[in-house]
């Protein structure tokens, strides 16, 4: 069945001498694999630049629910990440977002609200001035869409975020974030606007929310780009 869908490219793998298999997250069908035959040797109307990771595209696809690899009739980019590729800090954030998405989204199920969130985050990265808090707010909002946002808030009675339990608690412990980081993450998860945060606290917050993901989302898989990103955005 020929269907139209908007999609975000997650990753590409070379196949044979001229083709590419792409993992693409679609609005209508969830995460799917698509074959682009001859794309690496100029034998396809679709060019390699069109399917760079995080590109947003409109596709006409042949949808077969039980097929491991589907085919694409036509593809048109709706957003190419020109500024993101030119700006080293934005490029680093894009690579970080890709690593997070590839680790967190592995199921084929269609979730339109999750897709719309990812699309909006990519557009914001490309079109807006980069906030040093972008990686942290992205991870908190993604956790909310995945149903694993920390419970509670930073208050006098529950000042610490326990990473292992996934909630704010009264007492400091082995797996709790510091007071300053717990306060920052609480403010950000509630959507409060924060313009200035000390670089050391930002780095610690990014490391702590990454550990939170290991406990609750990525099954102990470490995010390799966290340390590099923390240095670039310090």
Protein backbone atom coordinates (compact mmCIF):
# COMPACT_ATOMS: atom_id res chain seq x y z
CA UNK A 1 0.00 0.00 0.00
CA UNK A 2 1.41 3.39 -1.03
CA UNK A 3 1.21 5.88 1.85
CA UNK A 4 2.46 9.37 2.67
CA UNK A 5 4.25 10.14 5.91
CA UNK A 6 6.50 12.74 7.49
CA UNK A 7 9.64 11.30 9.02
CA UNK A 8 12.94 11.92 10.80
CA UNK A 9 16.08 10.09 9.70
CA UNK A 10 17.78 8.35 12.64
CA UNK A 11 20.74 6.49 11.12
CA UNK A 12 22.10 5.03 7.89
CA UNK A 13 23.96 1.81 7.10
CA UNK A 14 25.70 1.15 3.79
CA UNK A 15 24.37 -1.91 1.99
CA UNK A 16 26.12 -3.59 -0.94
CA UNK A 17 28.21 -1.33 -3.19
CA UNK A 18 25.62 1.32 -3.91
CA UNK A 19 22.67 1.18 -1.52
CA UNK A 20 21.77 2.40 1.97
CA UNK A 21 19.41 1.03 4.60
CA UNK A 22 18.03 3.81 6.80
CA UNK A 23 16.34 3.67 10.17
CA UNK A 24 13.66 6.33 9.90
CA UNK A 25 11.11 7.38 12.50
CA UNK A 26 7.79 8.05 10.77
CA UNK A 27 4.75 9.86 12.09
CA UNK A 28 2.29 7.26 10.81
CA UNK A 29 4.18 3.96 11.19
CA UNK A 30 6.77 4.47 13.93
CA UNK A 31 10.38 3.34 13.52
CA UNK A 32 10.98 1.56 10.20
CA UNK A 33 13.86 0.46 7.97
CA UNK A 34 13.92 1.66 4.36
CA UNK A 35 16.12 0.63 1.45
CA UNK A 36 17.51 3.28 -0.91
CA UNK A 37 18.88 1.39 -3.89
CA UNK A 38 21.70 2.93 -5.92
CA UNK A 39 21.79 6.11 -3.83
CA UNK A 40 25.58 6.00 -3.32
CA UNK A 41 26.32 5.83 -7.06
CA UNK A 42 23.93 8.48 -8.31
CA UNK A 43 21.43 5.95 -9.62
CA UNK A 44 18.60 7.31 -7.49
CA UNK A 45 16.63 10.55 -7.64
CA UNK A 46 17.07 10.67 -3.86
CA UNK A 47 20.50 12.06 -2.96
CA UNK A 48 22.56 11.07 0.11
CA UNK A 49 22.32 14.63 1.47
CA UNK A 50 18.54 14.23 1.72
CA UNK A 51 18.78 11.39 4.24
CA UNK A 52 21.38 12.76 6.61
CA UNK A 53 20.54 11.93 10.25
CA UNK A 54 17.97 14.29 11.86
CA UNK A 55 16.76 15.56 8.48
CA UNK A 56 12.98 15.95 8.42
CA UNK A 57 11.48 14.53 5.23
CA UNK A 58 8.16 13.82 3.53
CA UNK A 59 8.02 10.35 2.00
CA UNK A 60 5.82 8.26 -0.25
CA UNK A 61 6.42 4.73 1.00
CA UNK A 62 5.20 1.24 0.29
CA UNK A 63 3.90 0.21 3.70
CA UNK A 64 4.03 -3.50 4.50
CA UNK A 65 3.41 -4.08 8.23
CA UNK A 66 5.21 -7.43 8.36
CA UNK A 67 8.20 -6.46 6.23
CA UNK A 68 11.58 -5.86 7.90
CA UNK A 69 12.72 -3.50 5.14
CA UNK A 70 10.36 -1.25 3.21
CA UNK A 71 10.85 0.75 0.03
CA UNK A 72 10.44 4.44 -0.77
CA UNK A 73 8.85 5.76 -3.96
CA UNK A 74 9.64 9.42 -3.33
CA UNK A 75 11.30 11.56 -0.67
CA UNK A 76 11.42 15.33 -0.28
CA UNK A 77 13.29 17.11 2.53
CA UNK A 78 11.26 19.62 4.53
CA UNK A 79 14.16 20.68 6.76
CA UNK A 80 17.88 20.35 6.06
CA UNK A 81 20.16 21.20 8.97
CA UNK A 82 22.39 23.81 7.32
CA UNK A 83 23.01 25.97 10.40
CA UNK A 84 23.36 22.93 12.64
CA UNK A 85 26.08 21.49 10.40
CA UNK A 86 27.99 24.79 10.34
CA UNK A 87 27.77 25.53 14.07
CA UNK A 88 30.05 23.24 16.11
CA UNK A 89 27.99 23.54 19.30
CA UNK A 90 24.71 22.84 17.48
CA UNK A 91 26.30 19.94 15.62
CA UNK A 92 27.44 18.43 18.92
CA UNK A 93 23.94 18.78 20.37
CA UNK A 94 22.50 17.16 17.24
CA UNK A 95 24.84 14.18 17.61
CA UNK A 96 23.86 13.92 21.27
CA UNK A 97 20.15 14.02 20.42
CA UNK A 98 20.70 11.30 17.83
CA UNK A 99 22.45 9.06 20.33
CA UNK A 100 19.63 9.56 22.84
CA UNK A 101 16.91 8.89 20.25
CA UNK A 102 18.63 5.81 18.85
CA UNK A 103 18.96 4.33 22.34
CA UNK A 104 15.46 5.24 23.52
CA UNK A 105 13.24 4.63 20.49
CA UNK A 106 13.49 1.03 19.38
CA UNK A 107 9.87 -0.02 18.93
CA UNK A 108 7.87 0.21 15.71
CA UNK A 109 4.70 1.55 17.36
CA UNK A 110 3.29 4.80 16.00
CA UNK A 111 3.18 7.65 18.55
CA UNK A 112 2.21 10.87 16.82
CA UNK A 113 2.70 13.11 19.86
CA UNK A 114 6.23 11.77 20.34
CA UNK A 115 7.00 12.35 16.67
CA UNK A 116 5.65 15.92 16.83
CA UNK A 117 7.85 16.60 19.86
CA UNK A 118 10.98 15.29 18.12
CA UNK A 119 10.21 17.30 14.98
CA UNK A 120 9.71 20.48 17.01
CA UNK A 121 12.98 19.93 18.90
CA UNK A 122 14.95 19.52 15.67
CA UNK A 123 13.38 22.63 14.15
CA UNK A 124 14.17 24.59 17.31
CA UNK A 125 17.79 23.42 17.19
CA UNK A 126 18.15 24.54 13.57
CA UNK A 127 16.25 27.82 13.72
CA UNK A 128 16.88 29.22 17.21
CA UNK A 129 19.84 30.48 19.21
CA UNK A 130 21.27 27.50 21.07
CA UNK A 131 20.67 27.45 24.82
CA UNK A 132 23.35 25.72 26.91
CA UNK A 133 20.44 24.00 28.69
CA UNK A 134 19.07 22.50 25.46
CA UNK A 135 20.41 18.94 26.02
CA UNK A 136 18.95 18.84 29.53
CA UNK A 137 15.53 20.21 28.59
CA UNK A 138 15.42 17.85 25.60
CA UNK A 139 16.06 14.83 27.82
CA UNK A 140 13.50 15.91 30.41
CA UNK A 141 10.80 16.48 27.80
CA UNK A 142 11.62 13.21 26.05
CA UNK A 143 11.37 11.39 29.38
CA UNK A 144 7.93 12.94 29.84
CA UNK A 145 6.80 11.62 26.44
CA UNK A 146 8.22 8.20 27.28
CA UNK A 147 6.30 8.15 30.57
CA UNK A 148 9.31 8.15 32.90
CA UNK A 149 9.58 11.76 34.08
CA UNK A 150 10.74 12.03 37.73
CA UNK A 151 7.88 12.13 40.22
CA UNK A 152 7.41 15.08 42.55
CA UNK A 153 9.36 18.32 42.82
CA UNK A 154 12.21 19.95 44.70
CA UNK A 155 10.61 21.22 47.92
CA UNK A 156 11.67 21.73 51.54
CA UNK A 157 10.33 18.28 52.42
CA UNK A 158 11.68 16.55 49.26
CA UNK A 159 14.83 18.46 48.27
CA UNK A 160 16.76 15.67 46.52
CA UNK A 161 16.13 13.84 43.25
CA UNK A 162 16.81 10.13 43.70
CA UNK A 163 17.98 8.90 40.30
CA UNK A 164 17.37 5.23 41.10
CA UNK A 165 13.85 5.69 42.49
CA UNK A 166 12.86 8.30 39.90
CA UNK A 167 11.37 10.70 42.44
CA UNK A 168 12.22 13.56 44.76
CA UNK A 169 12.98 12.38 48.29
CA UNK A 170 13.66 13.79 51.75
CA UNK A 171 17.11 12.41 52.50
CA UNK A 172 20.40 12.51 50.64
CA UNK A 173 21.68 9.11 49.54
CA UNK A 174 24.03 7.21 47.27
CA UNK A 175 21.89 7.81 44.17
CA UNK A 176 20.61 11.34 44.82
CA UNK A 177 21.55 14.45 42.87
CA UNK A 178 22.91 17.46 44.73
CA UNK A 179 20.59 20.17 46.04
CA UNK A 180 21.51 22.61 43.26
CA UNK A 181 21.06 20.03 40.49
CA UNK A 182 17.82 18.71 42.02
CA UNK A 183 16.47 22.26 42.13
CA UNK A 184 17.50 22.96 38.52
CA UNK A 185 15.99 19.73 37.16
CA UNK A 186 12.77 20.38 39.07
CA UNK A 187 12.47 23.88 37.61
CA UNK A 188 13.20 22.71 34.08
CA UNK A 189 10.84 19.74 34.16
CA UNK A 190 8.05 22.13 35.16
CA UNK A 191 8.81 24.34 32.17
CA UNK A 192 10.14 27.30 34.12
CA UNK A 193 12.38 29.67 32.18
CA UNK A 194 15.96 29.80 33.45
CA UNK A 195 18.44 32.03 31.67
CA UNK A 196 21.65 31.75 33.67
CA UNK A 197 23.11 28.64 35.29
CA UNK A 198 26.68 28.11 36.43
CA UNK A 199 28.61 25.96 33.95
CA UNK A 200 29.66 23.43 36.59
CA UNK A 201 26.03 22.92 37.65
CA UNK A 202 24.97 22.49 34.00
CA UNK A 203 27.61 19.81 33.49
CA UNK A 204 26.61 18.02 36.67
CA UNK A 205 22.92 18.22 35.74
CA UNK A 206 23.61 16.74 32.29
CA UNK A 207 25.58 13.89 33.85
CA UNK A 208 22.86 13.23 36.42
CA UNK A 209 19.97 13.18 33.93
CA UNK A 210 22.08 10.84 31.77
CA UNK A 211 22.44 8.51 34.77
CA UNK A 212 18.69 8.77 35.31
CA UNK A 213 18.22 7.52 31.74
CA UNK A 214 20.49 4.56 32.48
CA UNK A 215 18.27 3.56 35.39
CA UNK A 216 14.91 4.02 33.70
CA UNK A 217 15.20 4.04 29.89
CA UNK A 218 18.42 2.78 28.30
CA UNK A 219 18.91 -0.29 30.54
CA UNK A 220 22.36 0.77 31.80
CA UNK A 221 23.64 1.79 28.36
CA UNK A 222 25.90 4.82 28.78
CA UNK A 223 25.52 7.89 26.59
CA UNK A 224 28.99 8.29 25.09
CA UNK A 225 28.60 11.89 23.94
CA UNK A 226 27.64 13.34 27.34
CA UNK A 227 31.14 14.24 28.53
CA UNK A 228 32.20 15.86 25.24
CA UNK A 229 28.97 17.83 25.05
CA UNK A 230 29.30 19.02 28.65
CA UNK A 231 32.71 20.49 27.86
CA UNK A 232 31.56 22.23 24.69
CA UNK A 233 28.56 23.85 26.38
CA UNK A 234 30.30 24.77 29.63
